[in-house]
Each structure stands twice: as C-alpha cells, then as structure tokens.
Amino acid sequence: GFSTSSCDTEIPFRYLVNLAQISQEIQETFYTLR
C-alpha cells in the first residue's frame, strides 16, 4: 500500500541518527580514556 501519503520520506529523526553516528566517531577519536 505504499504511496506518498503513507510514508514520511524526510522525517527529521533520520538526520539525528546520522549525527549520532558521527558523534560516536568524535567520541572514539577524542574522548575515550585512551
């Protein structure tokens, strides 16, 4: 039943998740104990 009215293609949560992936890299690069 897919249609443009039954799907959020630009839901902001997806962009936040992408930022969370970058935040993981920032932490692993600079902010872990080692």
Full PDB file with SEQRES, HELIX, SHEET, SSBOND, CRYST1, ORIGX, SCALE, CONECT and MASTER records, all heavy atoms in Angstrom:
SEQRES   1 A   34  GLY PHE SER THR SER SER CYS ASP THR GLU ILE PRO PHE          
SEQRES   2 A   34  ARG TYR LEU VAL ASN LEU ALA GLN ILE SER GLN GLU ILE          
SEQRES   3 A   34  GLN GLU THR PHE TYR THR LEU ARG                              
HELIX    1 AA1 THR A    4  SER A    6  5                                   3    
HELIX    2 AA2 PHE A   13  ILE A   26  1                                  14    
HELIX    3 AA3 GLN A   27  TYR A   31  3                                   5    
CRYST1    1.000    1.000    1.000  90.00  90.00  90.00 P 1           1          
ORIGX1      1.000000  0.000000  0.000000        0.00000                         
ORIGX2      0.000000  1.000000  0.000000        0.00000                         
ORIGX3      0.000000  0.000000  1.000000        0.00000                         
SCALE1      1.000000  0.000000  0.000000        0.00000                         
SCALE2      0.000000  1.000000  0.000000        0.00000                         
SCALE3      0.000000  0.000000  1.000000        0.00000                         
ATOM      1  N   GLY A   1       0.806  -1.217   0.000  1.00  0.00           N  
ATOM      2  CA  GLY A   1       0.000   0.000   0.000  1.00  0.00           C  
ATOM      3  C   GLY A   1       0.836   1.263   0.000  1.00  0.00           C  
ATOM      4  O   GLY A   1       0.352   2.320   0.378  1.00  0.00           O  
ATOM      5  N   PHE A   2       2.096   1.161  -0.407  1.00  0.00           N  
ATOM      6  CA  PHE A   2       2.990   2.314  -0.357  1.00  0.00           C  
ATOM      7  C   PHE A   2       2.492   3.431  -1.268  1.00  0.00           C  
ATOM      8  O   PHE A   2       2.104   3.209  -2.403  1.00  0.00           O  
ATOM      9  CB  PHE A   2       4.391   1.896  -0.774  1.00  0.00           C  
ATOM     10  CG  PHE A   2       5.326   3.062  -0.982  1.00  0.00           C  
ATOM     11  CD1 PHE A   2       5.873   3.713   0.109  1.00  0.00           C  
ATOM     12  CD2 PHE A   2       5.629   3.509  -2.252  1.00  0.00           C  
ATOM     13  CE1 PHE A   2       6.724   4.781  -0.068  1.00  0.00           C  
ATOM     14  CE2 PHE A   2       6.483   4.574  -2.427  1.00  0.00           C  
ATOM     15  CZ  PHE A   2       7.037   5.212  -1.340  1.00  0.00           C  
ATOM     16  N   SER A   3       2.518   4.623  -0.739  1.00  0.00           N  
ATOM     17  CA  SER A   3       2.208   5.808  -1.526  1.00  0.00           C  
ATOM     18  C   SER A   3       2.849   6.997  -0.843  1.00  0.00           C  
ATOM     19  O   SER A   3       3.312   6.911   0.289  1.00  0.00           O  
ATOM     20  CB  SER A   3       0.696   6.021  -1.649  1.00  0.00           C  
ATOM     21  OG  SER A   3       0.142   6.334  -0.386  1.00  0.00           O  
ATOM     22  N   THR A   4       2.866   8.116  -1.516  1.00  0.00           N  
ATOM     23  CA  THR A   4       3.491   9.303  -0.929  1.00  0.00           C  
ATOM     24  C   THR A   4       2.758   9.769   0.317  1.00  0.00           C  
ATOM     25  O   THR A   4       3.342  10.418   1.180  1.00  0.00           O  
ATOM     26  CB  THR A   4       3.512  10.446  -1.961  1.00  0.00           C  
ATOM     27  OG1 THR A   4       2.173  10.658  -2.432  1.00  0.00           O  
ATOM     28  CG2 THR A   4       4.396  10.089  -3.143  1.00  0.00           C  
ATOM     29  N   SER A   5       1.469   9.436   0.415  1.00  0.00           N  
ATOM     30  CA  SER A   5       0.699   9.855   1.584  1.00  0.00           C  
ATOM     31  C   SER A   5       0.859   8.920   2.762  1.00  0.00           C  
ATOM     32  O   SER A   5       0.392   9.218   3.850  1.00  0.00           O  
ATOM     33  CB  SER A   5      -0.787   9.953   1.224  1.00  0.00           C  
ATOM     34  OG  SER A   5      -1.285   8.679   0.859  1.00  0.00           O  
ATOM     35  N   SER A   6       1.477   7.749   2.567  1.00  0.00           N  
ATOM     36  CA  SER A   6       1.613   6.779   3.655  1.00  0.00           C  
ATOM     37  C   SER A   6       3.058   6.587   4.072  1.00  0.00           C  
ATOM     38  O   SER A   6       3.408   5.590   4.662  1.00  0.00           O  
ATOM     39  CB  SER A   6       1.028   5.423   3.223  1.00  0.00           C  
ATOM     40  OG  SER A   6       1.762   4.890   2.136  1.00  0.00           O  
ATOM     41  N   CYS A   7       3.924   7.539   3.768  1.00  0.00           N  
ATOM     42  CA  CYS A   7       5.336   7.395   4.114  1.00  0.00           C  
ATOM     43  C   CYS A   7       5.946   8.754   4.389  1.00  0.00           C  
ATOM     44  O   CYS A   7       5.695   9.717   3.655  1.00  0.00           O  
ATOM     45  CB  CYS A   7       6.092   6.706   2.972  1.00  0.00           C  
ATOM     46  SG  CYS A   7       7.855   6.499   3.273  1.00  0.00           S  
ATOM     47  N   ASP A   8       6.728   8.849   5.448  1.00  0.00           N  
ATOM     48  CA  ASP A   8       7.487  10.066   5.761  1.00  0.00           C  
ATOM     49  C   ASP A   8       8.884   9.900   5.205  1.00  0.00           C  
ATOM     50  O   ASP A   8       9.729   9.222   5.797  1.00  0.00           O  
ATOM     51  CB  ASP A   8       7.550  10.289   7.277  1.00  0.00           C  
ATOM     52  CG  ASP A   8       6.204  10.681   7.846  1.00  0.00           C  
ATOM     53  OD1 ASP A   8       5.576  11.561   7.257  1.00  0.00           O  
ATOM     54  OD2 ASP A   8       5.800  10.103   8.867  1.00  0.00           O  
ATOM     55  N   THR A   9       9.164  10.489   4.065  1.00  0.00           N  
ATOM     56  CA  THR A   9      10.475  10.309   3.438  1.00  0.00           C  
ATOM     57  C   THR A   9      11.525  11.245   4.008  1.00  0.00           C  
ATOM     58  O   THR A   9      12.711  10.971   3.907  1.00  0.00           O  
ATOM     59  CB  THR A   9      10.363  10.541   1.919  1.00  0.00           C  
ATOM     60  OG1 THR A   9       9.821  11.852   1.685  1.00  0.00           O  
ATOM     61  CG2 THR A   9       9.443   9.500   1.293  1.00  0.00           C  
ATOM     62  N   GLU A  10      11.108  12.352   4.597  1.00  0.00           N  
ATOM     63  CA  GLU A  10      12.062  13.329   5.117  1.00  0.00           C  
ATOM     64  C   GLU A  10      11.875  13.530   6.605  1.00  0.00           C  
ATOM     65  O   GLU A  10      11.873  14.648   7.101  1.00  0.00           O  
ATOM     66  CB  GLU A  10      11.916  14.669   4.360  1.00  0.00           C  
ATOM     67  CG  GLU A  10      12.251  14.589   2.882  1.00  0.00           C  
ATOM     68  CD  GLU A  10      13.708  14.206   2.643  1.00  0.00           C  
ATOM     69  OE1 GLU A  10      14.514  14.271   3.592  1.00  0.00           O  
ATOM     70  OE2 GLU A  10      14.039  13.846   1.510  1.00  0.00           O  
ATOM     71  N   ILE A  11      11.654  12.457   7.333  1.00  0.00           N  
ATOM     72  CA  ILE A  11      11.444  12.573   8.765  1.00  0.00           C  
ATOM     73  C   ILE A  11      12.751  12.986   9.442  1.00  0.00           C  
ATOM     74  O   ILE A  11      13.813  12.416   9.171  1.00  0.00           O  
ATOM     75  CB  ILE A  11      10.892  11.259   9.337  1.00  0.00           C  
ATOM     76  CG1 ILE A  11      10.313  11.482  10.728  1.00  0.00           C  
ATOM     77  CG2 ILE A  11      11.928  10.166   9.340  1.00  0.00           C  
ATOM     78  CD1 ILE A  11       9.360  10.381  11.145  1.00  0.00           C  
ATOM     79  N   PRO A  12      12.732  14.013  10.285  1.00  0.00           N  
ATOM     80  CA  PRO A  12      13.977  14.547  10.852  1.00  0.00           C  
ATOM     81  C   PRO A  12      14.780  13.537  11.665  1.00  0.00           C  
ATOM     82  O   PRO A  12      15.994  13.672  11.784  1.00  0.00           O  
ATOM     83  CB  PRO A  12      13.488  15.704  11.735  1.00  0.00           C  
ATOM     84  CG  PRO A  12      12.183  16.102  11.154  1.00  0.00           C  
ATOM     85  CD  PRO A  12      11.570  14.840  10.644  1.00  0.00           C  
ATOM     86  N   PHE A  13      14.127  12.539  12.237  1.00  0.00           N  
ATOM     87  CA  PHE A  13      14.837  11.556  13.063  1.00  0.00           C  
ATOM     88  C   PHE A  13      15.980  10.898  12.308  1.00  0.00           C  
ATOM     89  O   PHE A  13      17.023  10.581  12.892  1.00  0.00           O  
ATOM     90  CB  PHE A  13      13.838  10.497  13.533  1.00  0.00           C  
ATOM     91  CG  PHE A  13      14.463   9.403  14.353  1.00  0.00           C  
ATOM     92  CD1 PHE A  13      14.909   9.644  15.647  1.00  0.00           C  
ATOM     93  CD2 PHE A  13      14.605   8.118  13.836  1.00  0.00           C  
ATOM     94  CE1 PHE A  13      15.485   8.626  16.401  1.00  0.00           C  
ATOM     95  CE2 PHE A  13      15.168   7.108  14.580  1.00  0.00           C  
ATOM     96  CZ  PHE A  13      15.613   7.361  15.869  1.00  0.00           C  
ATOM     97  N   ARG A  14      15.832  10.713  11.023  1.00  0.00           N  
ATOM     98  CA  ARG A  14      16.899  10.072  10.244  1.00  0.00           C  
ATOM     99  C   ARG A  14      18.165  10.924  10.250  1.00  0.00           C  
ATOM    100  O   ARG A  14      19.278  10.394  10.288  1.00  0.00           O  
ATOM    101  CB  ARG A  14      16.423   9.835   8.807  1.00  0.00           C  
ATOM    102  CG  ARG A  14      15.271   8.842   8.705  1.00  0.00           C  
ATOM    103  CD  ARG A  14      14.717   8.766   7.295  1.00  0.00           C  
ATOM    104  NE  ARG A  14      15.708   8.282   6.347  1.00  0.00           N  
ATOM    105  CZ  ARG A  14      15.511   8.206   5.039  1.00  0.00           C  
ATOM    106  NH1 ARG A  14      14.343   8.590   4.524  1.00  0.00           N  
ATOM    107  NH2 ARG A  14      16.454   7.755   4.242  1.00  0.00           N  
ATOM    108  N   TYR A  15      18.013  12.243  10.223  1.00  0.00           N  
ATOM    109  CA  TYR A  15      19.183  13.115  10.256  1.00  0.00           C  
ATOM    110  C   TYR A  15      19.843  13.094  11.629  1.00  0.00           C  
ATOM    111  O   TYR A  15      21.066  13.167  11.742  1.00  0.00           O  
ATOM    112  CB  TYR A  15      18.783  14.543   9.869  1.00  0.00           C  
ATOM    113  CG  TYR A  15      18.176  14.630   8.491  1.00  0.00           C  
ATOM    114  CD1 TYR A  15      16.866  15.046   8.305  1.00  0.00           C  
ATOM    115  CD2 TYR A  15      18.916  14.271   7.365  1.00  0.00           C  
ATOM    116  CE1 TYR A  15      16.300  15.105   7.049  1.00  0.00           C  
ATOM    117  CE2 TYR A  15      18.353  14.327   6.094  1.00  0.00           C  
ATOM    118  CZ  TYR A  15      17.052  14.740   5.952  1.00  0.00           C  
ATOM    119  OH  TYR A  15      16.490  14.787   4.695  1.00  0.00           O  
ATOM    120  N   LEU A  16      19.035  12.980  12.677  1.00  0.00           N  
ATOM    121  CA  LEU A  16      19.599  12.894  14.019  1.00  0.00           C  
ATOM    122  C   LEU A  16      20.405  11.606  14.175  1.00  0.00           C  
ATOM    123  O   LEU A  16      21.470  11.604  14.794  1.00  0.00           O  
ATOM    124  CB  LEU A  16      18.493  12.948  15.068  1.00  0.00           C  
ATOM    125  CG  LEU A  16      19.035  12.882  16.497  1.00  0.00           C  
ATOM    126  CD1 LEU A  16      19.417  14.266  16.977  1.00  0.00           C  
ATOM    127  CD2 LEU A  16      18.046  12.243  17.446  1.00  0.00           C  
ATOM    128  N   VAL A  17      19.901  10.511  13.628  1.00  0.00           N  
ATOM    129  CA  VAL A  17      20.627   9.238  13.701  1.00  0.00           C  
ATOM    130  C   VAL A  17      21.971   9.350  12.995  1.00  0.00           C  
ATOM    131  O   VAL A  17      22.994   8.860  13.489  1.00  0.00           O  
ATOM    132  CB  VAL A  17      19.769   8.118  13.093  1.00  0.00           C  
ATOM    133  CG1 VAL A  17      20.603   6.862  12.848  1.00  0.00           C  
ATOM    134  CG2 VAL A  17      18.599   7.791  14.014  1.00  0.00           C  
ATOM    135  N   ASN A  18      21.988  10.007  11.830  1.00  0.00           N  
ATOM    136  CA  ASN A  18      23.260  10.196  11.125  1.00  0.00           C  
ATOM    137  C   ASN A  18      24.235  11.011  11.965  1.00  0.00           C  
ATOM    138  O   ASN A  18      25.440  10.729  11.989  1.00  0.00           O  
ATOM    139  CB  ASN A  18      23.013  10.880   9.782  1.00  0.00           C  
ATOM    140  CG  ASN A  18      22.236   9.997   8.819  1.00  0.00           C  
ATOM    141  OD1 ASN A  18      22.247   8.776   8.938  1.00  0.00           O  
ATOM    142  ND2 ASN A  18      21.554  10.608   7.864  1.00  0.00           N  
ATOM    143  N   LEU A  19      23.724  12.014  12.656  1.00  0.00           N  
ATOM    144  CA  LEU A  19      24.583  12.789  13.554  1.00  0.00           C  
ATOM    145  C   LEU A  19      25.080  11.937  14.712  1.00  0.00           C  
ATOM    146  O   LEU A  19      26.227  12.087  15.158  1.00  0.00           O  
ATOM    147  CB  LEU A  19      23.822  14.001  14.097  1.00  0.00           C  
ATOM    148  CG  LEU A  19      23.705  15.222  13.191  1.00  0.00           C  
ATOM    149  CD1 LEU A  19      22.904  16.315  13.883  1.00  0.00           C  
ATOM    150  CD2 LEU A  19      25.085  15.753  12.799  1.00  0.00           C  
ATOM    151  N   ALA A  20      24.234  11.046  15.212  1.00  0.00           N  
ATOM    152  CA  ALA A  20      24.653  10.168  16.306  1.00  0.00           C  
ATOM    153  C   ALA A  20      25.812   9.274  15.875  1.00  0.00           C  
ATOM    154  O   ALA A  20      26.713   8.975  16.668  1.00  0.00           O  
ATOM    155  CB  ALA A  20      23.470   9.314  16.777  1.00  0.00           C  
ATOM    156  N   GLN A  21      25.805   8.847  14.617  1.00  0.00           N  
ATOM    157  CA  GLN A  21      26.913   8.040  14.114  1.00  0.00           C  
ATOM    158  C   GLN A  21      28.208   8.857  14.081  1.00  0.00           C  
ATOM    159  O   GLN A  21      29.278   8.345  14.403  1.00  0.00           O  
ATOM    160  CB  GLN A  21      26.574   7.503  12.722  1.00  0.00           C  
ATOM    161  CG  GLN A  21      25.445   6.488  12.728  1.00  0.00           C  
ATOM    162  CD  GLN A  21      25.008   6.091  11.328  1.00  0.00           C  
ATOM    163  OE1 GLN A  21      24.440   6.897  10.582  1.00  0.00           O  
ATOM    164  NE2 GLN A  21      25.275   4.857  10.955  1.00  0.00           N  
ATOM    165  N   ILE A  22      28.095  10.129  13.708  1.00  0.00           N  
ATOM    166  CA  ILE A  22      29.282  10.993  13.724  1.00  0.00           C  
ATOM    167  C   ILE A  22      29.724  11.254  15.153  1.00  0.00           C  
ATOM    168  O   ILE A  22      30.928  11.313  15.450  1.00  0.00           O  
ATOM    169  CB  ILE A  22      28.991  12.308  12.981  1.00  0.00           C  
ATOM    170  CG1 ILE A  22      28.610  12.033  11.521  1.00  0.00           C  
ATOM    171  CG2 ILE A  22      30.210  13.234  13.029  1.00  0.00           C  
ATOM    172  CD1 ILE A  22      28.223  13.274  10.736  1.00  0.00           C  
ATOM    173  N   SER A  23      28.764  11.401  16.066  1.00  0.00           N  
ATOM    174  CA  SER A  23      29.125  11.635  17.468  1.00  0.00           C  
ATOM    175  C   SER A  23      29.905  10.455  18.030  1.00  0.00           C  
ATOM    176  O   SER A  23      30.810  10.630  18.850  1.00  0.00           O  
ATOM    177  CB  SER A  23      27.866  11.889  18.308  1.00  0.00           C  
ATOM    178  OG  SER A  23      27.148  10.692  18.548  1.00  0.00           O  
ATOM    179  N   GLN A  24      29.565   9.244  17.581  1.00  0.00           N  
ATOM    180  CA  GLN A  24      30.332   8.080  18.017  1.00  0.00           C  
ATOM    181  C   GLN A  24      31.780   8.187  17.549  1.00  0.00           C  
ATOM    182  O   GLN A  24      32.713   7.905  18.303  1.00  0.00           O  
ATOM    183  CB  GLN A  24      29.702   6.796  17.473  1.00  0.00           C  
ATOM    184  CG  GLN A  24      30.495   5.540  17.833  1.00  0.00           C  
ATOM    185  CD  GLN A  24      29.926   4.279  17.221  1.00  0.00           C  
ATOM    186  OE1 GLN A  24      28.895   4.296  16.563  1.00  0.00           O  
ATOM    187  NE2 GLN A  24      30.598   3.168  17.429  1.00  0.00           N  
ATOM    188  N   GLU A  25      31.981   8.620  16.296  1.00  0.00           N  
ATOM    189  CA  GLU A  25      33.346   8.781  15.786  1.00  0.00           C  
ATOM    190  C   GLU A  25      34.095   9.862  16.551  1.00  0.00           C  
ATOM    191  O   GLU A  25      35.290   9.721  16.837  1.00  0.00           O  
ATOM    192  CB  GLU A  25      33.305   9.108  14.292  1.00  0.00           C  
ATOM    193  CG  GLU A  25      32.841   7.952  13.418  1.00  0.00           C  
ATOM    194  CD  GLU A  25      33.173   8.191  11.961  1.00  0.00           C  
ATOM    195  OE1 GLU A  25      34.308   8.625  11.671  1.00  0.00           O  
ATOM    196  OE2 GLU A  25      32.303   7.956  11.113  1.00  0.00           O  
ATOM    197  N   ILE A  26      33.404  10.948  16.887  1.00  0.00           N  
ATOM    198  CA  ILE A  26      34.051  12.016  17.647  1.00  0.00           C  
ATOM    199  C   ILE A  26      34.490  11.506  19.012  1.00  0.00           C  
ATOM    200  O   ILE A  26      35.614  11.781  19.465  1.00  0.00           O  
ATOM    201  CB  ILE A  26      33.098  13.221  17.785  1.00  0.00           C  
ATOM    202  CG1 ILE A  26      32.889  13.880  16.418  1.00  0.00           C  
ATOM    203  CG2 ILE A  26      33.644  14.230  18.791  1.00  0.00           C  
ATOM    204  CD1 ILE A  26      31.854  14.978  16.420  1.00  0.00           C  
ATOM    205  N   GLN A  27      33.622  10.761  19.661  1.00  0.00           N  
ATOM    206  CA  GLN A  27      33.980  10.245  20.978  1.00  0.00           C  
ATOM    207  C   GLN A  27      35.125   9.244  20.893  1.00  0.00           C  
ATOM    208  O   GLN A  27      36.060   9.289  21.698  1.00  0.00           O  
ATOM    209  CB  GLN A  27      32.767   9.605  21.639  1.00  0.00           C  
ATOM    210  CG  GLN A  27      33.038   9.175  23.084  1.00  0.00           C  
ATOM    211  CD  GLN A  27      31.788   8.741  23.795  1.00  0.00           C  
ATOM    212  OE1 GLN A  27      30.913   8.140  23.201  1.00  0.00           O  
ATOM    213  NE2 GLN A  27      31.687   9.056  25.079  1.00  0.00           N  
ATOM    214  N   GLU A  28      35.054   8.332  19.926  1.00  0.00           N  
ATOM    215  CA  GLU A  28      36.112   7.335  19.799  1.00  0.00           C  
ATOM    216  C   GLU A  28      37.438   7.974  19.413  1.00  0.00           C  
ATOM    217  O   GLU A  28      38.497   7.499  19.796  1.00  0.00           O  
ATOM    218  CB  GLU A  28      35.704   6.284  18.767  1.00  0.00           C  
ATOM    219  CG  GLU A  28      34.555   5.394  19.218  1.00  0.00           C  
ATOM    220  CD  GLU A  28      34.139   4.412  18.140  1.00  0.00           C  
ATOM    221  OE1 GLU A  28      34.598   4.564  16.982  1.00  0.00           O  
ATOM    222  OE2 GLU A  28      33.355   3.500  18.446  1.00  0.00           O  
ATOM    223  N   THR A  29      37.373   9.072  18.654  1.00  0.00           N  
ATOM    224  CA  THR A  29      38.597   9.740  18.209  1.00  0.00           C  
ATOM    225  C   THR A  29      39.234  10.565  19.314  1.00  0.00           C  
ATOM    226  O   THR A  29      40.457  10.540  19.497  1.00  0.00           O  
ATOM    227  CB  THR A  29      38.294  10.641  16.998  1.00  0.00           C  
ATOM    228  OG1 THR A  29      37.753   9.848  15.940  1.00  0.00           O  
ATOM    229  CG2 THR A  29      39.565  11.341  16.508  1.00  0.00           C  
ATOM    230  N   PHE A  30      38.425  11.294  20.080  1.00  0.00           N  
ATOM    231  CA  PHE A  30      38.966  12.285  21.007  1.00  0.00           C  
ATOM    232  C   PHE A  30      38.650  12.044  22.488  1.00  0.00           C  
ATOM    233  O   PHE A  30      39.409  12.493  23.350  1.00  0.00           O  
ATOM    234  CB  PHE A  30      38.427  13.675  20.654  1.00  0.00           C  
ATOM    235  CG  PHE A  30      39.055  14.294  19.442  1.00  0.00           C  
ATOM    236  CD1 PHE A  30      38.272  14.704  18.380  1.00  0.00           C  
ATOM    237  CD2 PHE A  30      40.426  14.468  19.360  1.00  0.00           C  
ATOM    238  CE1 PHE A  30      38.842  15.287  17.255  1.00  0.00           C  
ATOM    239  CE2 PHE A  30      41.016  15.054  18.253  1.00  0.00           C  
ATOM    240  CZ  PHE A  30      40.226  15.454  17.190  1.00  0.00           C  
ATOM    241  N   TYR A  31      37.543  11.385  22.804  1.00  0.00           N  
ATOM    242  CA  TYR A  31      37.049  11.459  24.169  1.00  0.00           C  
ATOM    243  C   TYR A  31      37.015  10.147  24.932  1.00  0.00           C  
ATOM    244  O   TYR A  31      36.542  10.120  26.066  1.00  0.00           O  
ATOM    245  CB  TYR A  31      35.651  12.100  24.177  1.00  0.00           C  
ATOM    246  CG  TYR A  31      35.698  13.564  23.797  1.00  0.00           C  
ATOM    247  CD1 TYR A  31      35.385  13.982  22.507  1.00  0.00           C  
ATOM    248  CD2 TYR A  31      36.099  14.525  24.713  1.00  0.00           C  
ATOM    249  CE1 TYR A  31      35.445  15.317  22.141  1.00  0.00           C  
ATOM    250  CE2 TYR A  31      36.162  15.866  24.366  1.00  0.00           C  
ATOM    251  CZ  TYR A  31      35.838  16.255  23.082  1.00  0.00           C  
ATOM    252  OH  TYR A  31      35.913  17.584  22.733  1.00  0.00           O  
ATOM    253  N   THR A  32      37.496   9.061  24.346  1.00  0.00           N  
ATOM    254  CA  THR A  32      37.670   7.868  25.170  1.00  0.00           C  
ATOM    255  C   THR A  32      38.847   8.103  26.110  1.00  0.00           C  
ATOM    256  O   THR A  32      39.660   9.016  25.902  1.00  0.00           O  
ATOM    257  CB  THR A  32      37.936   6.629  24.316  1.00  0.00           C  
ATOM    258  OG1 THR A  32      39.183   6.789  23.619  1.00  0.00           O  
ATOM    259  CG2 THR A  32      36.814   6.402  23.308  1.00  0.00           C  
ATOM    260  N   LEU A  33      38.960   7.281  27.110  1.00  0.00           N  
ATOM    261  CA  LEU A  33      40.058   7.438  28.069  1.00  0.00           C  
ATOM    262  C   LEU A  33      41.407   7.358  27.373  1.00  0.00           C  
ATOM    263  O   LEU A  33      42.288   8.206  27.583  1.00  0.00           O  
ATOM    264  CB  LEU A  33      39.943   6.363  29.154  1.00  0.00           C  
ATOM    265  CG  LEU A  33      41.037   6.359  30.233  1.00  0.00           C  
ATOM    266  CD1 LEU A  33      41.014   7.663  31.014  1.00  0.00           C  
ATOM    267  CD2 LEU A  33      40.848   5.163  31.165  1.00  0.00           C  
ATOM    268  N   ARG A  34      41.582   6.357  26.531  1.00  0.00           N  
ATOM    269  CA  ARG A  34      42.870   6.177  25.846  1.00  0.00           C  
ATOM    270  C   ARG A  34      43.147   7.305  24.864  1.00  0.00           C  
ATOM    271  O   ARG A  34      44.269   7.826  24.789  1.00  0.00           O  
ATOM    272  CB  ARG A  34      42.893   4.836  25.116  1.00  0.00           C  
ATOM    273  CG  ARG A  34      42.712   3.624  26.016  1.00  0.00           C  
ATOM    274  CD  ARG A  34      43.801   3.518  27.060  1.00  0.00           C  
ATOM    275  NE  ARG A  34      43.683   2.303  27.842  1.00  0.00           N  
ATOM    276  CZ  ARG A  34      44.241   2.126  29.017  1.00  0.00           C  
ATOM    277  NH1 ARG A  34      44.938   3.111  29.568  1.00  0.00           N  
ATOM    278  NH2 ARG A  34      44.102   0.985  29.662  1.00  0.00           N  
TER     279      ARG A  34                                                      
MASTER        0    0    0    3    0    0    0    6  278    1    0    3          
END                                                                             
